[in-house]
Amino acid sequence: MATILDIDYFLPLLSACPGKPLTATLVHRTPYGALAGLPPDLLFTSRLSHRYNLAGSACTYWSADETTTQWEFEDGVDPVLTDPLDPVLLHHAKVHLVERPVLDLLDKNVLDTLGLGEEELFDDWRKNEPVATQYLGAAVEAANAFSAIRYPSAPAHRRGETRANVAIFRACVLAPDWVQVIWRGGPIMRWP
C-alpha cells in the first residue's frame, strides 16, 4: 500500500528536519492588477492554493534571483486573465528568518527525511486534488517551527538548472524574525 503524503504524514517528520537560517534579499515579479488596493500591498497573499500552500493560507512566494522570478512569472501567467501589456512589478524583500528558520528542500537529507523526491517536488499543484507539497506547507504552517520553505524552482528544473524559491508563511513570521519589502534601500512594508 502506498504511503499517503498528507499533513498527518509530514507533521511528525518535521521535528527531525534541521532548520536553515535565511538572511537574504529575495525578489518577486507580479502583474500589477493582481495586487490588492492602492498603494499595492507588496506582501499580498491571495489565500489561494499554490505550490506549497492550501487555500486559506497566507503565504507569499519569492525567488532568490531575478532570472528565477522571471521564469516563475512566465510559468504562472494565465493568458486568459493577464494582458501582456499590463504593467508588471518587480520588487525586492529583505528577510531575516533565524528564530524560526527555513525548511530547506534543496538539502538532500531533508528530502530523505520527508520521503520526497522529484516526482513530489515537481508534481502539478494545479490539479483538483491537493498534492504532497501543499500538505507539507500546511504541516509547516501548523507546526510553526519554520517560517518558510526553500524549494527548487520547477521552471529552472525544466531548463536543467537548480534555482531556489522561498514560500513564506505569514502566521509563522514572528519577532525577532522579519520580512520587509524595500524601496530605494529602505523598508516600506514589513511582517510582523
Protein backbone atom coordinates (compact mmCIF):
# COMPACT_ATOMS: atom_id res chain seq x y z
CA MET A 1 0.00 0.00 0.00
CA ALA A 2 1.35 3.43 -0.95
CA THR A 3 2.10 5.99 1.73
CA ILE A 4 -0.30 8.92 1.72
CA LEU A 5 1.75 12.11 1.90
CA ASP A 6 -0.69 14.35 3.75
CA ILE A 7 -0.43 16.73 6.72
CA ASP A 8 -0.59 13.86 9.23
CA TYR A 9 2.32 12.16 7.45
CA PHE A 10 4.52 15.27 7.47
CA LEU A 11 3.84 16.71 10.96
CA PRO A 12 5.87 14.17 12.97
CA LEU A 13 8.73 14.22 10.45
CA LEU A 14 9.30 17.98 10.70
CA SER A 15 10.93 17.71 14.13
CA ALA A 16 13.70 15.58 12.57
CA CYS A 17 14.47 18.23 9.94
CA PRO A 18 17.11 20.87 10.65
CA GLY A 19 16.18 24.46 10.03
CA LYS A 20 18.38 26.71 7.94
CA PRO A 21 18.61 30.39 8.93
CA LEU A 22 17.96 32.70 5.99
CA THR A 23 19.11 36.29 5.81
CA ALA A 24 18.85 37.40 2.19
CA THR A 25 17.36 39.74 -0.37
CA LEU A 26 14.66 37.99 -2.40
CA VAL A 27 12.76 39.13 -5.50
CA HIS A 28 9.21 38.78 -6.84
CA ARG A 29 7.54 39.68 -10.14
CA THR A 30 3.77 40.00 -10.33
CA PRO A 31 1.14 41.61 -12.58
CA TYR A 32 0.19 44.94 -11.06
CA GLY A 33 -3.51 44.08 -11.27
CA ALA A 34 -3.04 41.03 -9.04
CA LEU A 35 -2.08 43.18 -6.05
CA ALA A 36 -4.83 44.32 -3.71
CA GLY A 37 -5.52 48.02 -3.32
CA LEU A 38 -3.67 51.27 -3.81
CA PRO A 39 -0.92 51.59 -2.92
CA PRO A 40 -0.34 47.96 -3.80
CA ASP A 41 0.29 45.52 -0.97
CA LEU A 42 3.65 44.05 -1.97
CA LEU A 43 3.29 41.39 0.75
CA PHE A 44 -0.13 40.48 -0.63
CA THR A 45 -1.28 36.90 -0.11
CA SER A 46 -4.23 35.78 -2.22
CA ARG A 47 -5.00 32.88 0.15
CA LEU A 48 -5.48 30.76 -2.97
CA SER A 49 -3.75 27.40 -3.19
CA HIS A 50 -0.26 27.39 -4.69
CA ARG A 51 2.71 25.01 -4.84
CA TYR A 52 3.34 24.98 -1.04
CA ASN A 53 0.06 26.11 0.46
CA LEU A 54 -3.56 25.05 0.56
CA ALA A 55 -6.39 27.55 0.02
CA GLY A 56 -6.84 29.86 3.00
CA SER A 57 -3.16 30.03 3.95
CA ALA A 58 -1.44 33.43 3.95
CA CYS A 59 1.71 32.54 2.03
CA THR A 60 3.86 34.71 -0.20
CA TYR A 61 6.33 33.47 -2.80
CA TRP A 62 9.77 34.88 -3.61
CA SER A 63 12.76 33.89 -5.73
CA ALA A 64 16.46 34.01 -4.92
CA ASP A 65 17.27 35.98 -8.10
CA GLU A 66 15.70 37.92 -10.97
CA THR A 67 16.13 35.18 -13.58
CA THR A 68 14.23 32.70 -11.44
CA THR A 69 11.41 35.13 -10.70
CA GLN A 70 11.09 35.86 -14.44
CA TRP A 71 10.82 32.14 -15.22
CA GLU A 72 8.32 31.66 -12.40
CA PHE A 73 6.29 34.61 -13.68
CA GLU A 74 6.23 33.24 -17.23
CA ASP A 75 5.26 29.81 -15.91
CA GLY A 76 2.38 31.13 -13.83
CA VAL A 77 0.80 33.80 -16.01
CA ASP A 78 -2.71 32.96 -17.13
CA PRO A 79 -3.01 34.30 -20.70
CA VAL A 80 -6.80 34.49 -20.34
CA LEU A 81 -6.64 36.70 -17.23
CA THR A 82 -3.46 38.68 -17.95
CA ASP A 83 -2.89 41.05 -20.84
CA PRO A 84 0.76 41.00 -21.97
CA LEU A 85 0.64 44.82 -22.00
CA ASP A 86 -0.39 45.05 -18.33
CA PRO A 87 2.21 46.60 -16.03
CA VAL A 88 4.37 44.21 -14.04
CA LEU A 89 6.02 44.95 -10.70
CA LEU A 90 9.45 43.66 -9.81
CA HIS A 91 10.08 44.17 -6.12
CA HIS A 92 12.56 43.01 -3.50
CA ALA A 93 12.30 41.96 0.11
CA LYS A 94 14.96 41.57 2.75
CA VAL A 95 14.29 38.62 5.01
CA HIS A 96 15.70 37.71 8.39
CA LEU A 97 14.37 34.26 9.26
CA VAL A 98 16.58 32.93 12.03
CA GLU A 99 14.49 32.25 15.15
CA ARG A 100 12.03 30.21 13.07
CA PRO A 101 14.35 29.17 10.25
CA VAL A 102 13.58 27.82 6.81
CA LEU A 103 12.85 24.22 5.85
CA ASP A 104 15.35 23.73 3.03
CA LEU A 105 14.18 21.32 0.33
CA LEU A 106 17.40 21.84 -1.59
CA ASP A 107 19.04 19.77 1.18
CA LYS A 108 19.02 16.08 0.19
CA ASN A 109 18.99 14.98 3.83
CA VAL A 110 15.79 16.94 4.44
CA LEU A 111 14.19 15.41 1.33
CA ASP A 112 15.18 11.93 2.51
CA THR A 113 13.76 12.57 5.98
CA LEU A 114 10.47 13.72 4.46
CA GLY A 115 10.37 10.94 1.87
CA LEU A 116 10.19 13.41 -1.02
CA GLY A 117 11.67 13.03 -4.48
CA GLU A 118 11.44 14.82 -7.80
CA GLU A 119 8.01 13.35 -8.51
CA GLU A 120 6.55 15.11 -5.47
CA LEU A 121 8.63 18.30 -5.74
CA PHE A 122 7.60 18.95 -9.32
CA ASP A 123 4.10 17.49 -9.30
CA ASP A 124 1.44 19.71 -10.91
CA TRP A 125 -0.07 21.57 -7.95
CA ARG A 126 -2.84 22.98 -10.17
CA LYS A 127 -4.72 19.66 -10.02
CA ASN A 128 -8.17 19.47 -8.48
CA GLU A 129 -6.77 17.46 -5.56
CA PRO A 130 -4.03 18.75 -3.21
CA VAL A 131 -0.51 17.43 -3.80
CA ALA A 132 2.21 16.44 -1.33
CA THR A 133 3.96 19.84 -1.38
CA GLN A 134 0.74 21.60 -0.42
CA TYR A 135 0.26 19.22 2.51
CA LEU A 136 3.88 19.81 3.51
CA GLY A 137 3.22 23.55 3.55
CA ALA A 138 0.11 23.01 5.68
CA ALA A 139 2.18 20.93 8.11
CA VAL A 140 4.92 23.59 8.27
CA GLU A 141 2.33 26.28 8.99
CA ALA A 142 0.56 24.13 11.60
CA ALA A 143 3.78 23.13 13.38
CA ASN A 144 5.00 26.75 13.44
CA ALA A 145 8.62 25.60 13.81
CA PHE A 146 9.71 27.01 10.44
CA SER A 147 8.81 30.36 8.91
CA ALA A 148 9.26 29.32 5.29
CA ILE A 149 10.13 26.61 2.82
CA ARG A 150 13.08 26.99 0.45
CA TYR A 151 12.41 24.84 -2.59
CA PRO A 152 13.68 24.21 -6.13
CA SER A 153 12.12 26.16 -8.98
CA ALA A 154 10.11 23.98 -11.39
CA PRO A 155 10.78 26.21 -14.44
CA ALA A 156 14.51 26.12 -13.68
CA HIS A 157 14.35 22.33 -13.25
CA ARG A 158 12.80 22.00 -16.72
CA ARG A 159 15.78 24.01 -18.03
CA GLY A 160 18.24 21.66 -16.32
CA GLU A 161 19.15 24.16 -13.59
CA THR A 162 18.75 24.27 -9.82
CA ARG A 163 17.48 27.62 -8.58
CA ALA A 164 15.70 28.49 -5.36
CA ASN A 165 12.36 29.96 -4.38
CA VAL A 166 11.05 30.66 -0.90
CA ALA A 167 7.44 30.28 0.29
CA ILE A 168 6.96 32.39 3.44
CA PHE A 169 4.05 31.76 5.81
CA ARG A 170 2.67 34.96 7.36
CA ALA A 171 1.49 33.25 10.55
CA CYS A 172 4.97 31.82 11.15
CA VAL A 173 6.98 35.04 10.83
CA LEU A 174 7.22 36.28 14.42
CA ALA A 175 9.64 38.75 16.01
CA PRO A 176 12.58 38.82 16.11
CA ASP A 177 12.30 37.42 12.54
CA TRP A 178 11.01 39.69 9.81
CA VAL A 179 10.26 40.17 6.12
CA GLN A 180 10.34 43.68 4.69
CA VAL A 181 9.77 44.98 1.20
CA ILE A 182 12.37 47.56 0.28
CA TRP A 183 12.21 50.58 -1.97
CA ARG A 184 15.15 52.87 -2.58
CA GLY A 185 17.11 50.99 0.05
CA GLY A 186 14.58 51.37 2.84
CA PRO A 187 11.68 49.29 4.17
CA ILE A 188 8.14 50.20 3.06
CA MET A 189 6.19 47.13 4.25
CA ARG A 190 7.03 44.62 6.95
CA TRP A 191 5.94 41.41 8.65
CA PRO A 192 5.48 41.39 11.65
